[in-house]
Amino acid sequence: MSMSVDDSPIELDEVPGIKGALMRYRVMAWVVGVLLVVLVVVGMPLKYFGNNDAVVVATGVPHGWLYMVLLITAYDLGRRARWPWVRLILIAAAGTVPFLSFVAEHYATKDVRARLAAFRSPSQN
């Protein structure tokens, strides 16, 4: 399955799928991002300075499993939005750096909304 940049116009029947994929990706980006921030900012200091690994245990495993779901939702959105592989890889990697998943989500949302707006533009001209 090739995933290169596709400049073909978005079809009307693709819009609901793109919007759904965007929502799924956004939710997962925020959930994974929050878990990672809690893990790194709260859990790791508690573990190494307070000798208490409860937060690491409670957030580390869910973050790992949900990161896999984030990868699936990012791929689904990237396929539907016709992103190049480089963009998809950067967005997927953002889930491994604290706070970066929020930035990636912002730019991914901005890009998809611009593509959807461009879809509506030709009919308005």
Protein backbone atom coordinates (compact mmCIF):
# COMPACT_ATOMS: atom_id res chain seq x y z
CA MET A 1 0.00 0.00 0.00
CA SER A 2 1.70 3.18 -1.16
CA MET A 3 1.30 6.32 0.86
CA SER A 4 2.79 9.15 -1.13
CA VAL A 5 1.44 12.62 -1.58
CA ASP A 6 -1.78 12.43 -3.56
CA ASP A 7 -2.86 15.71 -5.11
CA SER A 8 -6.18 14.35 -6.30
CA PRO A 9 -9.14 16.30 -4.98
CA ILE A 10 -11.06 15.09 -1.96
CA GLU A 11 -14.36 13.53 -2.91
CA LEU A 12 -17.58 14.37 -1.09
CA ASP A 13 -17.98 10.82 0.20
CA GLU A 14 -14.51 10.99 1.83
CA VAL A 15 -15.29 13.99 4.06
CA PRO A 16 -17.13 12.14 6.87
CA GLY A 17 -14.35 9.54 7.07
CA ILE A 18 -11.68 12.23 7.24
CA LYS A 19 -13.57 14.11 9.95
CA GLY A 20 -14.02 10.91 11.97
CA ALA A 21 -10.36 9.97 11.57
CA LEU A 22 -9.33 13.46 12.68
CA MET A 23 -11.47 13.25 15.81
CA ARG A 24 -10.07 9.80 16.71
CA TYR A 25 -6.52 11.01 16.19
CA ARG A 26 -7.07 14.18 18.24
CA VAL A 27 -8.50 12.24 21.18
CA MET A 28 -5.65 9.75 21.14
CA ALA A 29 -3.00 12.48 20.79
CA TRP A 30 -4.34 14.23 23.88
CA VAL A 31 -4.76 11.07 25.94
CA VAL A 32 -1.27 9.80 25.07
CA GLY A 33 0.21 13.27 25.55
CA VAL A 34 -1.33 13.73 29.00
CA LEU A 35 -0.21 10.27 30.12
CA LEU A 36 3.32 10.92 28.90
CA VAL A 37 3.52 14.29 30.65
CA VAL A 38 2.26 12.78 33.92
CA LEU A 39 4.71 9.89 33.54
CA VAL A 40 7.73 12.12 32.91
CA VAL A 41 6.90 15.17 35.04
CA VAL A 42 5.32 13.40 38.04
CA GLY A 43 6.08 9.69 37.85
CA MET A 44 9.78 9.69 37.08
CA PRO A 45 10.75 12.21 39.81
CA LEU A 46 8.65 10.30 42.34
CA LYS A 47 10.28 7.05 41.34
CA TYR A 48 13.87 8.23 41.38
CA PHE A 49 13.76 10.89 44.11
CA GLY A 50 10.88 9.62 46.27
CA ASN A 51 11.36 5.88 45.82
CA ASN A 52 7.68 5.55 44.84
CA ASP A 53 6.90 3.96 41.48
CA ALA A 54 3.09 3.99 41.77
CA VAL A 55 2.61 6.76 39.17
CA VAL A 56 5.07 5.14 36.75
CA VAL A 57 3.23 1.82 37.02
CA ALA A 58 -0.19 3.49 36.68
CA THR A 59 0.70 5.61 33.65
CA GLY A 60 3.57 3.81 31.90
CA VAL A 61 1.73 0.71 30.74
CA PRO A 62 -1.43 2.57 29.61
CA HIS A 63 0.74 5.09 27.76
CA GLY A 64 2.54 2.28 25.94
CA TRP A 65 -0.64 0.50 24.85
CA LEU A 66 -2.45 3.69 23.94
CA TYR A 67 0.56 4.89 21.96
CA MET A 68 -0.02 1.87 19.72
CA VAL A 69 -3.62 3.02 19.23
CA LEU A 70 -2.31 6.52 18.47
CA LEU A 71 -0.11 5.05 15.73
CA ILE A 72 -3.13 3.33 14.19
CA THR A 73 -5.26 6.48 14.31
CA ALA A 74 -2.40 8.58 12.90
CA TYR A 75 -1.95 6.14 10.03
CA ASP A 76 -5.67 6.11 9.33
CA LEU A 77 -5.81 9.91 9.27
CA GLY A 78 -2.64 10.17 7.18
CA ARG A 79 -3.98 7.72 4.62
CA ARG A 80 -7.29 9.55 4.35
CA ALA A 81 -5.68 13.02 4.28
CA ARG A 82 -3.06 11.77 1.81
CA TRP A 83 -0.05 12.77 3.90
CA PRO A 84 3.47 11.88 2.79
CA TRP A 85 5.32 9.28 4.88
CA VAL A 86 7.65 11.88 6.41
CA ARG A 87 4.74 13.81 7.92
CA LEU A 88 3.17 10.64 9.26
CA ILE A 89 6.43 9.48 10.84
CA LEU A 90 6.99 12.86 12.50
CA ILE A 91 3.46 12.91 13.88
CA ALA A 92 3.81 9.34 15.15
CA ALA A 93 7.16 10.12 16.80
CA ALA A 94 5.63 13.14 18.56
CA GLY A 95 3.85 10.74 20.93
CA THR A 96 7.21 9.82 22.44
CA VAL A 97 8.29 13.34 23.44
CA PRO A 98 6.54 15.11 26.33
CA PHE A 99 4.33 18.02 25.18
CA LEU A 100 5.14 17.41 21.49
CA SER A 101 1.99 15.37 20.84
CA PHE A 102 -0.03 18.52 21.57
CA VAL A 103 1.98 20.49 19.00
CA ALA A 104 1.68 17.70 16.42
CA GLU A 105 -2.06 17.46 17.03
CA HIS A 106 -2.42 21.21 16.47
CA TYR A 107 -0.58 21.14 13.14
CA ALA A 108 -2.27 17.94 11.98
CA THR A 109 -5.68 19.45 12.73
CA LYS A 110 -4.73 22.69 10.97
CA ASP A 111 -3.58 20.74 7.89
CA VAL A 112 -6.67 18.54 7.68
CA ARG A 113 -9.02 21.47 8.17
CA ALA A 114 -7.20 23.37 5.41
CA ARG A 115 -7.56 20.38 3.08
CA LEU A 116 -11.26 20.18 3.86
CA ALA A 117 -11.65 23.92 3.31
CA ALA A 118 -9.88 23.57 -0.06
CA PHE A 119 -12.36 20.83 -0.89
CA ARG A 120 -15.23 23.28 -0.38
CA SER A 121 -13.52 26.16 -2.23
CA PRO A 122 -13.83 24.95 -5.85
CA SER A 123 -17.62 24.67 -5.55
CA GLN A 124 -17.79 28.21 -4.19
CA ASN A 125 -15.86 29.68 -7.14
